[in-house]
C-alpha atoms as a PDB file:
ATOM      1  CA  MET A   1      -2.695 -30.176 -50.890  1.00  0.00           C
ATOM      2  CA  ILE A   2      -2.468 -29.919 -46.925  1.00  0.00           C
ATOM      3  CA  ALA A   3       0.264 -30.020 -44.994  1.00  0.00           C
ATOM      4  CA  GLN A   4      -0.139 -29.681 -41.203  1.00  0.00           C
ATOM      5  CA  LEU A   5       2.409 -29.904 -38.345  1.00  0.00           C
ATOM      6  CA  LYS A   6       1.017 -31.509 -35.280  1.00  0.00           C
ATOM      7  CA  SER A   7       4.266 -30.498 -33.443  1.00  0.00           C
ATOM      8  CA  GLU A   8       3.613 -26.452 -34.065  1.00  0.00           C
ATOM      9  CA  ARG A   9       1.106 -25.122 -32.283  1.00  0.00           C
ATOM     10  CA  LYS A  10      -1.017 -22.778 -34.681  1.00  0.00           C
ATOM     11  CA  THR A  11      -1.647 -18.978 -33.636  1.00  0.00           C
ATOM     12  CA  LYS A  12      -5.657 -17.692 -34.269  1.00  0.00           C
ATOM     13  CA  SER A  13      -4.726 -16.118 -37.206  1.00  0.00           C
ATOM     14  CA  GLU A  14      -3.456 -19.033 -38.930  1.00  0.00           C
ATOM     15  CA  LYS A  15      -6.098 -21.254 -38.115  1.00  0.00           C
ATOM     16  CA  LEU A  16      -8.438 -18.379 -39.559  1.00  0.00           C
ATOM     17  CA  PHE A  17      -5.866 -17.909 -42.637  1.00  0.00           C
ATOM     18  CA  GLU A  18      -6.428 -21.957 -43.226  1.00  0.00           C
ATOM     19  CA  ARG A  19     -10.150 -21.635 -42.589  1.00  0.00           C
ATOM     20  CA  PHE A  20     -10.346 -18.766 -45.206  1.00  0.00           C
ATOM     21  CA  CYS A  21      -8.026 -20.862 -47.744  1.00  0.00           C
ATOM     22  CA  THR A  22     -10.738 -23.750 -47.229  1.00  0.00           C
ATOM     23  CA  GLU A  23     -13.876 -21.896 -47.591  1.00  0.00           C
ATOM     24  CA  ASN A  24     -12.280 -20.369 -50.706  1.00  0.00           C
ATOM     25  CA  ASP A  25     -11.314 -23.429 -52.260  1.00  0.00           C
ATOM     26  CA  ILE A  26      -7.759 -22.100 -52.455  1.00  0.00           C
ATOM     27  CA  PRO A  27      -5.058 -24.978 -51.747  1.00  0.00           C
ATOM     28  CA  PHE A  28      -2.450 -24.297 -49.132  1.00  0.00           C
ATOM     29  CA  SER A  29       0.354 -26.150 -47.516  1.00  0.00           C
ATOM     30  CA  ARG A  30       1.892 -25.196 -44.167  1.00  0.00           C
ATOM     31  CA  ILE A  31       5.932 -24.528 -45.016  1.00  0.00           C
ATOM     32  CA  PRO A  32       8.130 -26.094 -42.245  1.00  0.00           C
ATOM     33  CA  ARG A  33      10.801 -23.831 -40.277  1.00  0.00           C
ATOM     34  CA  SER A  34      14.163 -24.090 -41.768  1.00  0.00           C
ATOM     35  CA  LYS A  35      16.649 -25.645 -39.339  1.00  0.00           C
ATOM     36  CA  GLU A  36      19.225 -23.542 -41.474  1.00  0.00           C
ATOM     37  CA  GLN A  37      20.794 -20.876 -39.303  1.00  0.00           C
ATOM     38  CA  GLY A  38      20.403 -17.514 -40.838  1.00  0.00           C
ATOM     39  CA  ARG A  39      17.933 -19.173 -43.554  1.00  0.00           C
ATOM     40  CA  LYS A  40      13.928 -17.861 -43.263  1.00  0.00           C
ATOM     41  CA  SER A  41      10.826 -18.717 -44.975  1.00  0.00           C
ATOM     42  CA  PRO A  42       7.384 -18.088 -44.901  1.00  0.00           C
ATOM     43  CA  ASP A  43       4.538 -19.616 -43.220  1.00  0.00           C
ATOM     44  CA  TYR A  44       2.617 -20.960 -46.218  1.00  0.00           C
ATOM     45  CA  MET A  45       2.352 -21.485 -49.606  1.00  0.00           C
ATOM     46  CA  ILE A  46      -1.054 -21.017 -51.544  1.00  0.00           C
ATOM     47  CA  VAL A  47      -1.777 -21.773 -55.393  1.00  0.00           C
ATOM     48  CA  MET A  48      -3.768 -19.503 -57.588  1.00  0.00           C
ATOM     49  CA  GLY A  49      -4.568 -21.117 -60.594  1.00  0.00           C
ATOM     50  CA  LYS A  50      -1.010 -22.358 -61.177  1.00  0.00           C
ATOM     51  CA  GLN A  51       0.686 -19.801 -59.519  1.00  0.00           C
ATOM     52  CA  ASN A  52       2.285 -20.409 -56.185  1.00  0.00           C
ATOM     53  CA  VAL A  53       1.878 -17.454 -53.721  1.00  0.00           C
ATOM     54  CA  ALA A  54       4.169 -16.846 -50.028  1.00  0.00           C
ATOM     55  CA  VAL A  55       2.373 -15.689 -47.305  1.00  0.00           C
ATOM     56  CA  GLU A  56       3.566 -14.763 -43.794  1.00  0.00           C
ATOM     57  CA  ILE A  57       1.421 -14.463 -41.221  1.00  0.00           C
ATOM     58  CA  LYS A  58       1.427 -11.482 -38.445  1.00  0.00           C
ATOM     59  CA  GLN A  59      -0.945 -11.238 -35.345  1.00  0.00           C
ATOM     60  CA  PHE A  60      -1.493  -8.057 -33.280  1.00  0.00           C
ATOM     61  CA  ASP A  61      -1.862  -9.382 -30.197  1.00  0.00           C
ATOM     62  CA  ALA A  62      -2.766  -6.988 -26.831  1.00  0.00           C
ATOM     63  CA  ASN A  63       0.536  -5.243 -25.237  1.00  0.00           C
ATOM     64  CA  SER A  64       0.957  -4.088 -21.543  1.00  0.00           C
ATOM     65  CA  ASP A  65      -0.649  -1.116 -22.040  1.00  0.00           C
ATOM     66  CA  ASN A  66      -3.534  -2.782 -23.987  1.00  0.00           C
ATOM     67  CA  LYS A  67      -4.130  -5.199 -21.194  1.00  0.00           C
ATOM     68  CA  LYS A  68      -4.082  -2.573 -18.384  1.00  0.00           C
ATOM     69  CA  GLN A  69      -6.742  -0.090 -20.919  1.00  0.00           C
ATOM     70  CA  LEU A  70      -8.879  -3.283 -20.912  1.00  0.00           C
ATOM     71  CA  GLY A  71      -8.491  -4.381 -17.322  1.00  0.00           C
ATOM     72  CA  GLU A  72      -9.694  -0.675 -16.168  1.00  0.00           C
ATOM     73  CA  ASN A  73     -11.947   0.298 -18.900  1.00  0.00           C
ATOM     74  CA  GLY A  74     -13.212  -2.907 -20.678  1.00  0.00           C
ATOM     75  CA  ILE A  75     -11.867  -0.962 -23.741  1.00  0.00           C
ATOM     76  CA  THR A  76      -8.141  -0.065 -25.467  1.00  0.00           C
ATOM     77  CA  GLY A  77      -7.320   2.509 -27.652  1.00  0.00           C
ATOM     78  CA  VAL A  78      -4.732   1.005 -30.314  1.00  0.00           C
ATOM     79  CA  PHE A  79      -4.612   3.029 -33.632  1.00  0.00           C
ATOM     80  CA  GLU A  80      -3.359   6.436 -34.437  1.00  0.00           C
ATOM     81  CA  ASP A  81       0.834   6.533 -34.572  1.00  0.00           C
ATOM     82  CA  LYS A  82       0.854   3.722 -32.529  1.00  0.00           C
ATOM     83  CA  MET A  83      -0.911   1.193 -34.625  1.00  0.00           C
ATOM     84  CA  ILE A  84       1.110   2.378 -37.583  1.00  0.00           C
ATOM     85  CA  ALA A  85       3.986   1.522 -36.148  1.00  0.00           C
ATOM     86  CA  ARG A  86       2.977  -1.990 -35.267  1.00  0.00           C
ATOM     87  CA  VAL A  87       2.257  -2.404 -38.930  1.00  0.00           C
ATOM     88  CA  ARG A  88       5.761  -0.962 -39.677  1.00  0.00           C
ATOM     89  CA  SER A  89       7.490  -3.521 -37.633  1.00  0.00           C
ATOM     90  CA  LYS A  90       5.434  -6.460 -39.004  1.00  0.00           C
ATOM     91  CA  ILE A  91       6.665  -5.490 -42.123  1.00  0.00           C
ATOM     92  CA  LYS A  92      10.208  -5.458 -41.250  1.00  0.00           C
ATOM     93  CA  LYS A  93       9.886  -8.868 -39.541  1.00  0.00           C
ATOM     94  CA  ALA A  94       7.815 -10.291 -42.513  1.00  0.00           C
ATOM     95  CA  VAL A  95       9.838  -9.440 -45.250  1.00  0.00           C
ATOM     96  CA  PRO A  96      13.274 -11.212 -44.825  1.00  0.00           C
ATOM     97  CA  GLN A  97      10.933 -14.560 -44.962  1.00  0.00           C
ATOM     98  CA  LEU A  98       9.656 -13.325 -48.166  1.00  0.00           C
ATOM     99  CA  LYS A  99      12.688 -11.981 -50.024  1.00  0.00           C
ATOM    100  CA  MET A 100      13.892 -15.221 -51.063  1.00  0.00           C
ATOM    101  CA  GLN A 101      10.299 -16.247 -52.576  1.00  0.00           C
ATOM    102  CA  SER A 102      10.584 -13.173 -55.068  1.00  0.00           C
ATOM    103  CA  GLU A 103      14.330 -14.147 -56.046  1.00  0.00           C
ATOM    104  CA  LYS A 104      12.364 -17.441 -57.268  1.00  0.00           C
ATOM    105  CA  ASN A 105       9.853 -15.272 -59.071  1.00  0.00           C
ATOM    106  CA  ILE A 106       6.879 -16.066 -55.995  1.00  0.00           C
ATOM    107  CA  PRO A 107       4.774 -13.559 -55.392  1.00  0.00           C
ATOM    108  CA  ALA A 108       4.453 -12.818 -51.693  1.00  0.00           C
ATOM    109  CA  LEU A 109       2.182 -11.490 -48.973  1.00  0.00           C
ATOM    110  CA  ILE A 110       1.975 -10.275 -45.367  1.00  0.00           C
ATOM    111  CA  MET A 111      -1.081 -11.420 -43.665  1.00  0.00           C
ATOM    112  CA  LEU A 112      -2.108  -9.368 -41.120  1.00  0.00           C
ATOM    113  CA  TYR A 113      -4.836 -10.086 -38.154  1.00  0.00           C
ATOM    114  CA  ASN A 114      -6.043  -8.043 -35.084  1.00  0.00           C
ATOM    115  CA  ASN A 115      -6.685 -10.083 -31.945  1.00  0.00           C
ATOM    116  CA  ILE A 116      -6.498  -7.384 -29.886  1.00  0.00           C
ATOM    117  CA  PRO A 117     -10.540  -7.082 -28.138  1.00  0.00           C
ATOM    118  CA  ALA A 118     -11.167  -3.521 -29.502  1.00  0.00           C
ATOM    119  CA  SER A 119     -13.330  -1.785 -32.455  1.00  0.00           C
ATOM    120  CA  PRO A 120     -12.901  -2.148 -35.381  1.00  0.00           C
ATOM    121  CA  LYS A 121     -11.461  -5.830 -35.579  1.00  0.00           C
ATOM    122  CA  TYR A 122      -9.389  -5.339 -38.252  1.00  0.00           C
ATOM    123  CA  VAL A 123      -6.410  -3.716 -39.372  1.00  0.00           C
ATOM    124  CA  HIS A 124      -7.743   0.043 -40.609  1.00  0.00           C
ATOM    125  CA  PRO A 125      -6.594   0.903 -44.041  1.00  0.00           C
ATOM    126  CA  ASP A 126      -5.238   4.299 -43.394  1.00  0.00           C
ATOM    127  CA  ASP A 127      -2.511   2.427 -40.651  1.00  0.00           C
ATOM    128  CA  ILE A 128      -1.578   0.245 -43.755  1.00  0.00           C
ATOM    129  CA  LEU A 129      -1.245   3.439 -46.254  1.00  0.00           C
ATOM    130  CA  GLN A 130       0.695   5.148 -44.077  1.00  0.00           C
ATOM    131  CA  ALA A 131       2.780   2.270 -43.139  1.00  0.00           C
ATOM    132  CA  MET A 132       3.617   1.615 -46.270  1.00  0.00           C
ATOM    133  CA  TYR A 133       3.831   4.903 -48.247  1.00  0.00           C
ATOM    134  CA  GLY A 134       4.458   7.047 -45.727  1.00  0.00           C
ATOM    135  CA  ASN A 135       3.615   9.865 -42.632  1.00  0.00           C
ATOM    136  CA  GLU A 136       0.779  12.002 -43.876  1.00  0.00           C
ATOM    137  CA  GLN A 137       2.261  15.409 -43.312  1.00  0.00           C
ATOM    138  CA  ALA A 138       1.487  19.112 -44.441  1.00  0.00           C
ATOM    139  CA  THR A 139       3.574  22.233 -44.997  1.00  0.00           C
ATOM    140  CA  LEU A 140       2.320  25.126 -42.720  1.00  0.00           C
ATOM    141  CA  ILE A 141       2.842  28.474 -44.458  1.00  0.00           C
ATOM    142  CA  PHE A 142       2.768  31.926 -42.519  1.00  0.00           C
ATOM    143  CA  HIS A 143       1.544  35.227 -43.615  1.00  0.00           C
ATOM    144  CA  VAL A 144       3.201  38.244 -41.939  1.00  0.00           C
ATOM    145  CA  PRO A 145       1.549  40.446 -40.233  1.00  0.00           C
ATOM    146  CA  SER A 146      -1.568  38.317 -39.464  1.00  0.00           C
ATOM    147  CA  ASP A 147       0.825  35.525 -38.973  1.00  0.00           C
ATOM    148  CA  ALA A 148      -2.152  32.854 -39.925  1.00  0.00           C
ATOM    149  CA  PRO A 149      -0.838  29.617 -40.994  1.00  0.00           C
ATOM    150  CA  TYR A 150      -2.392  28.040 -44.294  1.00  0.00           C
ATOM    151  CA  ILE A 151      -1.581  24.623 -45.586  1.00  0.00           C
ATOM    152  CA  GLY A 152       1.219  24.748 -48.453  1.00  0.00           C
ATOM    153  CA  ARG A 153       2.500  21.364 -50.079  1.00  0.00           C
ATOM    154  CA  LEU A 154       0.591  17.874 -48.678  1.00  0.00           C
ATOM    155  CA  TYR A 155       2.375  15.079 -48.781  1.00  0.00           C
ATOM    156  CA  ASN A 156       3.347  11.556 -47.456  1.00  0.00           C
ATOM    157  CA  GLY A 157       6.825  11.562 -45.809  1.00  0.00           C
ATOM    158  CA  GLY A 158       8.707   9.391 -43.255  1.00  0.00           C
ATOM    159  CA  GLY A 159       8.570   6.355 -42.031  1.00  0.00           C
ATOM    160  CA  ARG A 160       7.613   4.416 -45.836  1.00  0.00           C
ATOM    161  CA  GLN A 161       8.234   0.726 -45.936  1.00  0.00           C
ATOM    162  CA  VAL A 162       7.918   0.645 -49.447  1.00  0.00           C
ATOM    163  CA  SER A 163       9.424   2.515 -52.513  1.00  0.00           C
ATOM    164  CA  LEU A 164      11.420   1.823 -55.707  1.00  0.00           C
ATOM    165  CA  LYS A 165      14.438   0.429 -53.616  1.00  0.00           C
ATOM    166  CA  ASP A 166      12.792  -0.769 -50.316  1.00  0.00           C
ATOM    167  CA  ASN A 167      11.044  -4.148 -49.678  1.00  0.00           C
ATOM    168  CA  THR A 168      10.380  -4.693 -53.536  1.00  0.00           C
ATOM    169  CA  SER A 169       9.773  -8.461 -52.662  1.00  0.00           C
ATOM    170  CA  LEU A 170       6.225  -7.625 -51.007  1.00  0.00           C
ATOM    171  CA  SER A 171       3.273  -7.770 -53.522  1.00  0.00           C
ATOM    172  CA  ALA A 172       0.633  -7.079 -50.958  1.00  0.00           C
ATOM    173  CA  ILE A 173      -0.543  -6.566 -47.708  1.00  0.00           C
ATOM    174  CA  VAL A 174      -3.652  -8.475 -46.887  1.00  0.00           C
ATOM    175  CA  SER A 175      -6.162  -7.481 -43.764  1.00  0.00           C
ATOM    176  CA  LEU A 176      -7.684 -10.678 -42.543  1.00  0.00           C
ATOM    177  CA  PHE A 177     -11.079 -10.068 -40.399  1.00  0.00           C
ATOM    178  CA  GLU A 178     -14.087 -11.761 -39.395  1.00  0.00           C
ATOM    179  CA  ASP A 179     -17.765 -10.545 -39.560  1.00  0.00           C
ATOM    180  CA  PHE A 180     -19.146 -11.847 -36.580  1.00  0.00           C
ATOM    181  CA  GLU A 181     -22.862 -11.554 -37.853  1.00  0.00           C
ATOM    182  CA  ARG A 182     -22.833 -13.379 -41.009  1.00  0.00           C
ATOM    183  CA  ASN A 183     -19.950 -15.819 -39.758  1.00  0.00           C
ATOM    184  CA  GLU A 184     -17.980 -14.849 -42.693  1.00  0.00           C
ATOM    185  CA  LEU A 185     -14.455 -13.984 -42.913  1.00  0.00           C
ATOM    186  CA  HIS A 186     -13.263 -11.091 -45.153  1.00  0.00           C
ATOM    187  CA  ALA A 187      -9.754 -10.152 -47.151  1.00  0.00           C
ATOM    188  CA  ASN A 188      -8.960  -6.952 -48.086  1.00  0.00           C
ATOM    189  CA  PHE A 189      -5.844  -6.736 -50.469  1.00  0.00           C
ATOM    190  CA  TYR A 190      -3.521  -3.682 -50.319  1.00  0.00           C
ATOM    191  CA  HIS A 191      -1.133  -3.570 -53.288  1.00  0.00           C
ATOM    192  CA  ASN A 192       2.418  -2.369 -53.085  1.00  0.00           C
ATOM    193  CA  ILE A 193       2.629  -0.581 -56.578  1.00  0.00           C
ATOM    194  CA  TYR A 194       6.722  -0.896 -55.969  1.00  0.00           C
ATOM    195  CA  GLY A 195       6.359  -4.683 -55.832  1.00  0.00           C
ATOM    196  CA  ALA A 196       8.462  -6.366 -58.387  1.00  0.00           C
ATOM    197  CA  ILE A 197       6.346  -9.435 -58.626  1.00  0.00           C
ATOM    198  CA  ARG A 198       2.447  -8.290 -58.227  1.00  0.00           C
ATOM    199  CA  PHE A 199      -0.259 -10.671 -57.239  1.00  0.00           C
ATOM    200  CA  GLU A 200      -2.874  -9.950 -59.852  1.00  0.00           C
ATOM    201  CA  PRO A 201      -6.076  -8.801 -58.109  1.00  0.00           C
ATOM    202  CA  ASN A 202      -8.058 -10.999 -61.053  1.00  0.00           C
ATOM    203  CA  TRP A 203      -6.226 -14.273 -59.284  1.00  0.00           C
ATOM    204  CA  LEU A 204      -8.711 -14.105 -56.249  1.00  0.00           C
ATOM    205  CA  ARG A 205     -12.330 -12.545 -56.767  1.00  0.00           C
ATOM    206  CA  ARG A 206     -14.808 -13.122 -54.332  1.00  0.00           C
ATOM    207  CA  GLN A 207     -17.785 -11.228 -52.642  1.00  0.00           C
ATOM    208  CA  ASN A 208     -15.805 -11.347 -49.189  1.00  0.00           C
ATOM    209  CA  VAL A 209     -12.428 -10.372 -50.961  1.00  0.00           C
ATOM    210  CA  LYS A 210     -11.621  -6.850 -51.751  1.00  0.00           C
ATOM    211  CA  HIS A 211      -8.587  -5.183 -53.688  1.00  0.00           C
ATOM    212  CA  PHE A 212      -6.716  -1.674 -53.220  1.00  0.00           C
ATOM    213  CA  ILE A 213      -4.117   0.050 -55.177  1.00  0.00           C
ATOM    214  CA  PRO A 214      -2.737   3.587 -54.133  1.00  0.00           C
ATOM    215  CA  VAL A 215      -3.362   6.284 -56.072  1.00  0.00           C
ATOM    216  CA  ARG A 216      -2.649   9.960 -55.870  1.00  0.00           C
ATOM    217  CA  SER A 217      -5.511  12.366 -54.262  1.00  0.00           C
ATOM    218  CA  GLU A 218      -6.144  16.155 -55.628  1.00  0.00           C
ATOM    219  CA  ASN A 219      -4.141  16.852 -52.291  1.00  0.00           C
ATOM    220  CA  GLU A 220      -1.397  14.886 -53.306  1.00  0.00           C
ATOM    221  CA  PHE A 221      -1.937  12.346 -50.575  1.00  0.00           C
ATOM    222  CA  TRP A 222      -1.763   8.664 -51.490  1.00  0.00           C
ATOM    223  CA  VAL A 223      -5.063   7.163 -51.148  1.00  0.00           C
ATOM    224  CA  TRP A 224      -6.590   3.548 -51.628  1.00  0.00           C
ATOM    225  CA  LYS A 225      -8.687   3.026 -54.818  1.00  0.00           C
ATOM    226  CA  GLU A 226     -10.495  -0.234 -55.168  1.00  0.00           C
ATOM    227  CA  ALA A 227      -9.128  -2.314 -57.850  1.00  0.00           C
END
């Protein structure tokens, strides 16, 4: 069942999401915005088999710095800490829309789309990893008298948006992006291991869909492993 609200203008990311659902035979419905003050709802509901799944769409658009760089150089840098901070901001804004769904035992997804004219066209997996599980940090140890530092403990530090106590209503973050050469849409699912309600990878297995879970690497950092 497809519900379309003609009164609402759709963003590029919403149009691409609906196209992705249509091309992959995923039933979807657009959820009307709640008129009740303080009550927030997600953008869409999809159906995986008999399971409803809530989806909140978040789009990255060029900010003033990006636009200035694009005007001067034709390219813009949007990554590193700035992009990680942007992903964190999207999580914070999206979770209130999803929290109520988890209380109904419904898995909840945040779908990110990068609408900034830059390369790569997708949201980088490492930006999502650090936004979710914390900044990569290292403890430096100095030897006296040489005073030459070496790396001691490696770990994920501050800024994490998911934990046993934080944002457990989030099942996964999904990066939606376009393969322009093949005219295909792809979706990478980055799962929240602390999610109270899981989105099972076997619910959606396609050639253009990948699933990743975080695991501890040999140096103690979280890394993505395909599931």
